[in-house]
């Protein structure tokens, strides 16, 4: 992350260009001939550039998992003053969690959308941790809609969901004013596309729809340019006299990327029953246990519901995984009220959850004559993890906490009806009915 005064902002290109693919080896050069031929680190690089490698995995990771890129830049990123703790300290970014600064709870939690701060708030100060486990960190962030994310070590993103790989410096622009967003930070592994299994070779998120920025650079003095770095859960700053947007060429497979969620190709049941939400997985960060994710990124996009003789909304559920949900825009099919864009909910391991009372009653009232129905103008998502979350006190004590969330299920009444006839032909309520 980085910050600087607005007068010093680089003149980023109006029209951003990208390469497509997921997990590919890419190459890009802003000046023809800037990439060295035949080797990564020649004695003198073309145009007098510095060669700098950035590694996303250990050197000896298996080749199929190894991620690294070579950057050819005007000045290497090491040329900065010493890092110092950021002042003022950010009090709501946490990485070391224990009983003194977080709580575990089996209660269903829901938050209303946070109001936009009255005073100017940048991306860094707008971040606050909601919940955390040992291996992933869920952060709620203020972003723009659309946001423009400029990658100092490559180029720029606009719109869409973005994955920023560890170590890449970036700046967030807010061209349309303040907005809300969600950030999940994972440690120990990288996102990958889920296996498709019997779906076959096509469907869900297509590799070709993931976009990687092309090279762009500026060669200009930037005295006092401040880098903000998150390290060990804390923020540090360092100053340098040049723009970090100085990569003239690069090649490799360790890259940030973006994905337009509207391009997702959803699959759904076409006859009966409600499919498991895993069928909507965009990206997964796997563990060593097959089929068990450190973090799955799942979406609920516009789609058709056509199942017959079926309760079509998501079923009532208790899950060995923990589920954090957010709503980007529109409504969510399982919650008629209260779950709003910019809001969130958390259902931890084995915490029961499901459709609210209004959704259940409205669905049952339609009976078997509901007919095909298209869910439109919606984009909800879920971060699902096998790990147990601990929740920050400011999230539990937030004025945006929906303390009446549980009420959405309290109205669910018993529809149980069963007539049992005894051997003598008398009606009884059940087998324990008192004999007259």
Protein backbone atom coordinates (compact mmCIF):
# COMPACT_ATOMS: atom_id res chain seq x y z
CA UNK A 1 0.00 0.00 0.00
CA UNK A 2 1.16 3.54 -0.51
CA UNK A 3 -0.01 7.10 0.01
CA UNK A 4 0.99 10.51 -1.24
CA UNK A 5 -0.57 13.94 -1.74
CA UNK A 6 -2.96 14.32 -4.66
CA UNK A 7 -0.71 16.78 -6.48
CA UNK A 8 1.91 14.06 -6.88
CA UNK A 9 -0.38 11.35 -8.22
CA UNK A 10 0.91 9.65 -11.37
CA UNK A 11 -0.91 10.27 -14.63
CA UNK A 12 -2.25 6.76 -14.97
CA UNK A 13 -3.58 5.80 -18.42
CA UNK A 14 -7.27 6.44 -19.02
CA UNK A 15 -7.75 3.15 -20.84
CA UNK A 16 -6.26 0.20 -19.02
CA UNK A 17 -5.12 -2.90 -20.89
CA UNK A 18 -4.82 -6.46 -19.66
CA UNK A 19 -3.69 -9.98 -20.48
CA UNK A 20 -6.06 -12.86 -19.80
CA UNK A 21 -5.53 -16.18 -18.07
CA UNK A 22 -5.18 -17.80 -14.65
CA UNK A 23 -1.91 -19.28 -13.43
CA UNK A 24 -0.20 -18.51 -16.73
CA UNK A 25 3.34 -17.34 -17.34
CA UNK A 26 2.91 -13.81 -18.64
CA UNK A 27 5.25 -11.20 -20.06
CA UNK A 28 4.77 -7.51 -20.78
CA UNK A 29 6.94 -4.55 -21.72
CA UNK A 30 6.04 -0.88 -21.94
CA UNK A 31 9.02 -0.26 -24.24
CA UNK A 32 9.92 -2.71 -26.98
CA UNK A 33 13.07 -4.62 -26.12
CA UNK A 34 12.94 -3.91 -22.38
CA UNK A 35 12.74 -7.63 -21.54
CA UNK A 36 16.13 -9.38 -21.56
CA UNK A 37 16.39 -12.23 -24.06
CA UNK A 38 17.54 -15.65 -23.00
CA UNK A 39 18.18 -14.90 -19.31
CA UNK A 40 16.63 -13.23 -16.30
CA UNK A 41 19.51 -11.22 -14.86
CA UNK A 42 22.07 -10.08 -17.46
CA UNK A 43 25.10 -8.06 -16.45
CA UNK A 44 23.44 -4.95 -17.87
CA UNK A 45 19.68 -5.02 -18.52
CA UNK A 46 18.18 -3.28 -21.56
CA UNK A 47 17.83 0.50 -21.11
CA UNK A 48 19.93 0.31 -17.94
CA UNK A 49 17.05 -1.19 -15.90
CA UNK A 50 17.45 -3.11 -12.67
CA UNK A 51 16.39 -6.76 -12.54
CA UNK A 52 14.38 -7.66 -9.42
CA UNK A 53 12.67 -10.95 -8.66
CA UNK A 54 9.57 -11.21 -6.44
CA UNK A 55 8.84 -14.71 -5.08
CA UNK A 56 5.38 -15.82 -3.96
CA UNK A 57 6.56 -19.30 -2.93
CA UNK A 58 9.79 -20.80 -1.67
CA UNK A 59 12.51 -21.40 -4.25
CA UNK A 60 12.15 -25.16 -3.90
CA UNK A 61 8.34 -25.40 -4.13
CA UNK A 62 7.27 -27.97 -6.75
CA UNK A 63 7.29 -26.46 -10.22
CA UNK A 64 3.50 -26.75 -10.57
CA UNK A 65 3.13 -24.64 -7.40
CA UNK A 66 6.10 -22.33 -7.79
CA UNK A 67 5.23 -18.66 -8.27
CA UNK A 68 7.66 -15.87 -9.08
CA UNK A 69 8.06 -12.91 -11.44
CA UNK A 70 10.99 -10.90 -12.73
CA UNK A 71 10.56 -7.13 -12.80
CA UNK A 72 12.73 -4.71 -14.77
CA UNK A 73 12.49 -1.30 -13.14
CA UNK A 74 14.04 2.14 -13.23
CA UNK A 75 15.16 1.83 -9.60
CA UNK A 76 14.97 -1.24 -7.35
CA UNK A 77 12.38 -1.21 -4.58
CA UNK A 78 15.11 -1.43 -1.92
CA UNK A 79 16.02 2.26 -2.33
CA UNK A 80 13.96 3.75 0.50
CA UNK A 81 14.54 5.11 4.00
CA UNK A 82 14.11 2.79 7.02
CA UNK A 83 10.57 1.72 7.91
CA UNK A 84 9.06 3.22 11.04
CA UNK A 85 5.80 2.37 12.83
CA UNK A 86 2.95 4.30 11.24
CA UNK A 87 1.70 7.24 13.29
CA UNK A 88 -1.02 7.37 14.39
CA UNK A 89 -1.24 3.64 15.04
CA UNK A 90 -4.13 1.83 13.39
CA UNK A 91 -6.11 0.42 16.30
CA UNK A 92 -8.44 -1.87 14.37
CA UNK A 93 -6.12 -4.02 12.29
CA UNK A 94 -5.30 -7.17 14.26
CA UNK A 95 -3.31 -10.30 13.40
CA UNK A 96 -2.40 -11.84 16.78
CA UNK A 97 -5.70 -12.99 18.24
CA UNK A 98 -6.30 -14.22 21.79
CA UNK A 99 -8.89 -13.95 24.55
CA UNK A 100 -7.80 -10.40 25.38
CA UNK A 101 -8.66 -8.92 21.98
CA UNK A 102 -11.30 -11.21 20.45
CA UNK A 103 -14.08 -13.65 21.24
CA UNK A 104 -15.40 -16.88 19.84
CA UNK A 105 -19.18 -17.09 19.67
CA UNK A 106 -21.67 -19.63 18.30
CA UNK A 107 -24.33 -16.92 17.96
CA UNK A 108 -25.52 -15.90 14.51
CA UNK A 109 -24.14 -12.41 13.84
CA UNK A 110 -25.22 -9.78 11.35
CA UNK A 111 -24.07 -6.23 10.68
CA UNK A 112 -25.86 -3.41 8.94
CA UNK A 113 -23.88 -1.37 6.40
CA UNK A 114 -21.43 0.99 8.05
CA UNK A 115 -22.01 4.66 7.37
CA UNK A 116 -19.44 6.50 5.31
CA UNK A 117 -17.24 8.58 7.67
CA UNK A 118 -17.91 12.31 7.72
CA UNK A 119 -14.20 13.13 7.70
CA UNK A 120 -12.02 12.12 4.73
CA UNK A 121 -10.89 8.51 5.16
CA UNK A 122 -8.45 6.74 2.87
CA UNK A 123 -8.18 3.04 2.09
CA UNK A 124 -5.73 2.30 4.90
CA UNK A 125 -7.67 4.06 7.65
CA UNK A 126 -10.93 2.62 6.36
CA UNK A 127 -9.82 -0.96 7.00
CA UNK A 128 -10.92 -2.74 10.16
CA UNK A 129 -10.64 -6.40 11.05
CA UNK A 130 -13.95 -8.14 11.74
CA UNK A 131 -12.76 -11.65 12.53
CA UNK A 132 -9.66 -13.77 12.30
CA UNK A 133 -8.31 -17.29 12.57
CA UNK A 134 -4.73 -18.50 12.57
CA UNK A 135 -4.60 -18.66 8.80
CA UNK A 136 -6.93 -16.06 7.38
CA UNK A 137 -7.96 -12.55 8.26
CA UNK A 138 -11.28 -11.03 7.33
CA UNK A 139 -11.16 -7.28 6.91
CA UNK A 140 -13.95 -4.87 6.09
CA UNK A 141 -12.75 -2.02 3.89
CA UNK A 142 -13.94 1.22 2.43
CA UNK A 143 -13.52 1.00 -1.34
CA UNK A 144 -14.94 2.94 -4.24
CA UNK A 145 -17.49 1.78 -6.72
CA UNK A 146 -15.83 1.46 -9.06
CA UNK A 147 -12.42 1.28 -7.42
CA UNK A 148 -9.22 1.72 -9.37
CA UNK A 149 -6.32 -0.22 -7.92
CA UNK A 150 -2.93 0.76 -9.32
CA UNK A 151 -0.24 -1.88 -8.84
CA UNK A 152 3.15 -0.26 -8.33
CA UNK A 153 4.95 -3.37 -9.51
CA UNK A 154 2.82 -3.83 -12.65
CA UNK A 155 0.03 -1.47 -13.68
CA UNK A 156 -3.66 -0.93 -12.85
CA UNK A 157 -7.06 -2.54 -12.19
CA UNK A 158 -10.48 -0.98 -12.56
CA UNK A 159 -13.74 -2.45 -11.21
CA UNK A 160 -14.33 -6.15 -10.48
CA UNK A 161 -13.02 -8.27 -7.63
CA UNK A 162 -9.25 -8.21 -7.33
CA UNK A 163 -6.65 -10.53 -5.83
CA UNK A 164 -3.54 -8.69 -4.66
CA UNK A 165 -0.70 -11.13 -4.11
CA UNK A 166 1.62 -10.64 -1.14
CA UNK A 167 4.40 -8.11 -1.62
CA UNK A 168 2.92 -6.02 -4.43
CA UNK A 169 2.56 -2.34 -3.65
CA UNK A 170 -0.59 -0.59 -4.77
CA UNK A 171 -2.70 2.53 -4.44
CA UNK A 172 -6.51 2.72 -4.43
CA UNK A 173 -8.28 5.59 -6.19
CA UNK A 174 -11.91 6.52 -5.46
CA UNK A 175 -13.16 8.18 -8.66
CA UNK A 176 -16.84 7.96 -7.69
CA UNK A 177 -16.50 8.86 -4.04
CA UNK A 178 -16.52 6.66 -0.92
CA UNK A 179 -18.08 3.22 -0.82
CA UNK A 180 -17.82 -0.08 1.04
CA UNK A 181 -16.02 -3.30 0.33
CA UNK A 182 -14.73 -6.54 1.78
CA UNK A 183 -11.21 -7.94 2.02
CA UNK A 184 -10.12 -11.49 2.93
CA UNK A 185 -6.43 -12.02 3.63
CA UNK A 186 -5.07 -15.56 3.58
CA UNK A 187 -1.72 -16.93 4.69
CA UNK A 188 0.17 -20.08 3.81
CA UNK A 189 -1.29 -20.80 0.40
CA UNK A 190 -2.60 -19.16 -2.78
CA UNK A 191 -6.00 -19.12 -4.41
CA UNK A 192 -6.59 -21.51 -7.27
CA UNK A 193 -9.50 -22.43 -9.51
CA UNK A 194 -11.63 -25.24 -8.06
CA UNK A 195 -11.64 -28.63 -9.74
CA UNK A 196 -14.73 -29.07 -11.91
CA UNK A 197 -15.14 -32.82 -11.45
CA UNK A 198 -18.15 -34.20 -13.33
CA UNK A 199 -19.08 -30.70 -14.53
CA UNK A 200 -16.39 -31.26 -17.14
CA UNK A 201 -13.94 -28.91 -18.82
CA UNK A 202 -16.06 -25.73 -18.78
CA UNK A 203 -18.14 -23.73 -16.35
CA UNK A 204 -17.96 -21.60 -13.20
CA UNK A 205 -15.07 -19.09 -13.45
CA UNK A 206 -13.25 -19.42 -16.77
CA UNK A 207 -9.48 -18.95 -16.84
CA UNK A 208 -9.74 -16.56 -19.77
CA UNK A 209 -11.83 -14.10 -17.73
CA UNK A 210 -9.08 -13.44 -15.19
CA UNK A 211 -7.16 -10.34 -16.21
CA UNK A 212 -3.58 -9.32 -15.44
CA UNK A 213 -2.34 -5.75 -16.05
CA UNK A 214 0.24 -4.91 -18.67
CA UNK A 215 3.40 -2.92 -17.95
CA UNK A 216 3.18 0.84 -17.47
CA UNK A 217 5.68 3.14 -15.78
CA UNK A 218 6.59 6.71 -14.98
CA UNK A 219 10.14 8.05 -14.71
CA UNK A 220 9.91 11.08 -12.47
CA UNK A 221 11.21 12.31 -9.14
CA UNK A 222 8.73 11.99 -6.23
CA UNK A 223 10.40 13.46 -3.10
CA UNK A 224 8.73 12.33 0.11
CA UNK A 225 6.75 9.53 -1.51
CA UNK A 226 5.43 7.43 1.38
CA UNK A 227 5.07 3.64 1.30
CA UNK A 228 2.69 2.07 3.84
CA UNK A 229 3.49 -1.58 4.52
CA UNK A 230 1.53 -4.11 6.56
CA UNK A 231 3.98 -6.43 8.29
CA UNK A 232 3.18 -8.87 11.09
CA UNK A 233 -0.24 -7.32 11.45
CA UNK A 234 1.18 -3.83 12.02
CA UNK A 235 1.58 -0.84 9.72
CA UNK A 236 4.90 0.78 8.89
CA UNK A 237 5.88 3.71 6.66
CA UNK A 238 8.99 4.50 4.66
CA UNK A 239 9.83 7.41 2.39
CA UNK A 240 11.55 7.37 -0.98
CA UNK A 241 12.35 9.96 -3.62
CA UNK A 242 10.87 8.20 -6.65
CA UNK A 243 7.60 6.69 -7.80
CA UNK A 244 7.20 2.94 -7.20
CA UNK A 245 5.33 2.82 -10.52
CA UNK A 246 8.58 2.32 -12.39
CA UNK A 247 8.42 -1.22 -13.81
CA UNK A 248 9.16 -0.97 -17.53
CA UNK A 249 8.85 -4.71 -18.23
CA UNK A 250 8.16 -7.96 -16.40
CA UNK A 251 7.56 -11.66 -16.87
CA UNK A 252 6.43 -14.50 -14.62
CA UNK A 253 3.42 -16.13 -12.99
CA UNK A 254 3.31 -14.36 -9.61
CA UNK A 255 0.90 -11.57 -10.44
CA UNK A 256 -2.15 -9.76 -9.09
CA UNK A 257 -5.32 -10.27 -11.09
CA UNK A 258 -8.94 -9.21 -11.33
CA UNK A 259 -12.17 -11.00 -12.20
CA UNK A 260 -15.55 -9.64 -13.29
CA UNK A 261 -18.10 -11.55 -11.19
CA UNK A 262 -20.77 -11.07 -13.87
CA UNK A 263 -18.82 -13.46 -16.11
CA UNK A 264 -19.31 -16.38 -13.71
CA UNK A 265 -21.13 -19.32 -15.33
CA UNK A 266 -23.36 -20.74 -12.57
CA UNK A 267 -24.69 -24.28 -12.41
CA UNK A 268 -27.93 -25.18 -10.71
CA UNK A 269 -30.32 -28.06 -10.17
CA UNK A 270 -32.77 -28.55 -13.05
CA UNK A 271 -35.15 -31.03 -11.46
CA UNK A 272 -35.23 -31.23 -7.66
CA UNK A 273 -33.54 -30.13 -4.45
CA UNK A 274 -31.26 -27.19 -3.74
CA UNK A 275 -27.62 -27.63 -4.69
CA UNK A 276 -24.84 -27.13 -2.15
CA UNK A 277 -23.27 -23.64 -2.26
CA UNK A 278 -19.89 -25.13 -3.24
CA UNK A 279 -21.22 -25.29 -6.82
CA UNK A 280 -20.75 -21.50 -6.90
CA UNK A 281 -17.06 -21.45 -5.91
CA UNK A 282 -15.01 -18.87 -7.82
CA UNK A 283 -11.65 -19.51 -6.13
CA UNK A 284 -10.41 -21.83 -3.42
CA UNK A 285 -7.42 -21.79 -1.11
CA UNK A 286 -7.00 -25.48 -0.28
CA UNK A 287 -5.59 -27.21 2.78
CA UNK A 288 -3.70 -30.51 2.80
CA UNK A 289 -7.00 -32.33 3.33
CA UNK A 290 -8.75 -33.06 0.02
CA UNK A 291 -11.90 -30.99 -0.41
CA UNK A 292 -11.34 -28.94 2.74
CA UNK A 293 -10.61 -25.27 2.14
CA UNK A 294 -8.68 -22.76 4.15
CA UNK A 295 -10.93 -20.30 2.34
CA UNK A 296 -13.45 -20.65 -0.47
CA UNK A 297 -14.67 -17.57 -2.31
CA UNK A 298 -18.27 -18.34 -3.30
CA UNK A 299 -20.78 -16.08 -5.05
CA UNK A 300 -24.55 -16.09 -5.54
CA UNK A 301 -25.09 -14.34 -8.88
CA UNK A 302 -28.22 -13.83 -10.99
CA UNK A 303 -29.57 -17.23 -12.14
CA UNK A 304 -32.71 -19.25 -12.83
CA UNK A 305 -34.56 -21.35 -10.24
CA UNK A 306 -36.51 -24.19 -11.84
CA UNK A 307 -36.51 -27.11 -9.40
CA UNK A 308 -39.84 -28.92 -9.06
CA UNK A 309 -41.48 -29.92 -5.75
CA UNK A 310 -38.54 -28.26 -4.03
CA UNK A 311 -37.95 -25.67 -1.34
CA UNK A 312 -35.86 -23.43 -3.59
CA UNK A 313 -34.16 -21.02 -1.16
CA UNK A 314 -31.03 -22.25 0.64
CA UNK A 315 -31.88 -25.00 3.09
CA UNK A 316 -31.59 -24.77 6.87
CA UNK A 317 -28.08 -25.74 7.73
CA UNK A 318 -25.45 -26.46 10.35
CA UNK A 319 -22.02 -26.52 8.77
CA UNK A 320 -18.61 -27.79 9.91
CA UNK A 321 -17.26 -24.78 7.97
CA UNK A 322 -17.62 -21.15 9.08
CA UNK A 323 -19.48 -18.83 6.71
CA UNK A 324 -19.02 -15.07 6.38
CA UNK A 325 -21.44 -13.51 3.90
CA UNK A 326 -21.64 -10.09 2.31
CA UNK A 327 -23.95 -8.44 -0.19
CA UNK A 328 -22.43 -6.33 -2.95
CA UNK A 329 -25.72 -5.15 -4.47
CA UNK A 330 -29.39 -6.11 -4.73
CA UNK A 331 -31.05 -8.54 -2.32
CA UNK A 332 -30.40 -12.07 -1.11
CA UNK A 333 -32.89 -14.86 -1.76
CA UNK A 334 -32.81 -16.30 1.77
CA UNK A 335 -33.34 -13.02 3.63
CA UNK A 336 -36.40 -10.92 2.87
CA UNK A 337 -35.36 -8.17 5.30
CA UNK A 338 -32.28 -6.84 7.06
CA UNK A 339 -29.44 -8.14 4.87
CA UNK A 340 -28.40 -5.05 2.93
CA UNK A 341 -25.65 -4.16 0.46
CA UNK A 342 -22.51 -3.34 2.43
CA UNK A 343 -23.70 -5.42 5.37
CA UNK A 344 -22.45 -8.81 6.48
CA UNK A 345 -23.27 -11.91 8.49
CA UNK A 346 -21.21 -14.58 10.26
CA UNK A 347 -22.36 -18.12 10.97
CA UNK A 348 -19.54 -19.98 12.69
CA UNK A 349 -18.90 -23.71 12.76
CA UNK A 350 -22.13 -25.64 13.52
CA UNK A 351 -24.10 -22.43 14.09
CA UNK A 352 -27.60 -23.04 12.65
CA UNK A 353 -28.80 -20.68 9.94
CA UNK A 354 -31.15 -20.53 6.97
CA UNK A 355 -34.02 -18.60 5.39
CA UNK A 356 -35.89 -16.10 7.53
CA UNK A 357 -39.56 -16.45 8.41
CA UNK A 358 -40.85 -14.26 5.59
CA UNK A 359 -38.87 -16.16 2.97
CA UNK A 360 -40.02 -19.54 4.29
CA UNK A 361 -43.69 -18.61 4.48
CA UNK A 362 -43.67 -16.92 1.06
CA UNK A 363 -42.02 -19.95 -0.53
CA UNK A 364 -44.44 -22.42 1.03
CA UNK A 365 -47.41 -20.25 0.01
CA UNK A 366 -46.42 -20.59 -3.66
CA UNK A 367 -46.73 -24.35 -3.46
CA UNK A 368 -45.69 -26.50 -6.38
CA UNK A 369 -46.99 -24.02 -8.95
CA UNK A 370 -44.16 -21.52 -8.58
CA UNK A 371 -42.89 -22.01 -12.13
CA UNK A 372 -39.43 -20.97 -13.34
CA UNK A 373 -38.12 -17.84 -11.66
CA UNK A 374 -35.07 -15.73 -12.46
CA UNK A 375 -33.14 -14.17 -9.60
CA UNK A 376 -31.81 -10.88 -10.96
CA UNK A 377 -30.05 -7.72 -9.81
CA UNK A 378 -28.11 -9.42 -7.05
CA UNK A 379 -24.56 -10.33 -6.11
CA UNK A 380 -23.98 -11.91 -2.73
CA UNK A 381 -20.81 -13.72 -1.74
CA UNK A 382 -19.47 -16.01 0.96
CA UNK A 383 -16.04 -16.57 2.45
CA UNK A 384 -16.17 -20.14 3.78
CA UNK A 385 -13.40 -21.56 5.95
CA UNK A 386 -12.71 -24.77 7.85
CA UNK A 387 -11.23 -22.70 10.68
CA UNK A 388 -12.91 -21.32 13.80
CA UNK A 389 -13.21 -17.50 13.76
CA UNK A 390 -12.58 -15.12 16.63
CA UNK A 391 -14.44 -11.81 16.42
CA UNK A 392 -13.01 -8.40 17.30
CA UNK A 393 -14.64 -6.43 20.15
CA UNK A 394 -15.39 -3.43 17.92
CA UNK A 395 -17.30 -5.75 15.59
CA UNK A 396 -19.29 -7.25 18.47
CA UNK A 397 -19.91 -3.80 20.00
CA UNK A 398 -20.43 -2.00 16.71
CA UNK A 399 -23.42 0.35 16.46
CA UNK A 400 -24.10 -1.45 13.17
CA UNK A 401 -24.49 -4.82 14.88
CA UNK A 402 -28.01 -6.13 14.23
CA UNK A 403 -28.94 -7.28 17.72
CA UNK A 404 -32.37 -8.37 16.49
CA UNK A 405 -30.98 -10.71 13.85
CA UNK A 406 -32.26 -13.77 15.73
CA UNK A 407 -35.81 -12.40 15.46
CA UNK A 408 -35.90 -13.25 11.75
CA UNK A 409 -36.25 -16.93 12.73
CA UNK A 410 -38.28 -16.62 15.92
CA UNK A 411 -41.48 -16.33 13.89
CA UNK A 412 -40.98 -19.77 12.32
CA UNK A 413 -43.93 -21.77 13.60
CA UNK A 414 -44.49 -25.48 13.75
CA UNK A 415 -46.29 -26.86 10.72
CA UNK A 416 -46.19 -30.37 12.13
CA UNK A 417 -49.43 -32.25 11.60
CA UNK A 418 -49.84 -35.95 12.30
CA UNK A 419 -52.95 -37.94 13.17
CA UNK A 420 -52.28 -41.23 14.92
CA UNK A 421 -55.08 -43.76 15.36
CA UNK A 422 -54.88 -46.17 18.31
CA UNK A 423 -55.72 -49.88 18.09
CA UNK A 424 -59.22 -49.20 19.42
CA UNK A 425 -59.85 -46.64 16.69
CA UNK A 426 -59.51 -43.58 18.94
CA UNK A 427 -57.57 -40.52 17.72
CA UNK A 428 -54.57 -39.57 19.85
CA UNK A 429 -52.09 -36.71 19.49
CA UNK A 430 -49.06 -39.00 19.69
CA UNK A 431 -47.86 -42.18 21.24
CA UNK A 432 -47.44 -40.47 24.61
CA UNK A 433 -50.99 -39.05 24.71
CA UNK A 434 -52.65 -39.47 28.08
CA UNK A 435 -55.24 -42.23 28.11
CA UNK A 436 -58.72 -41.07 28.97
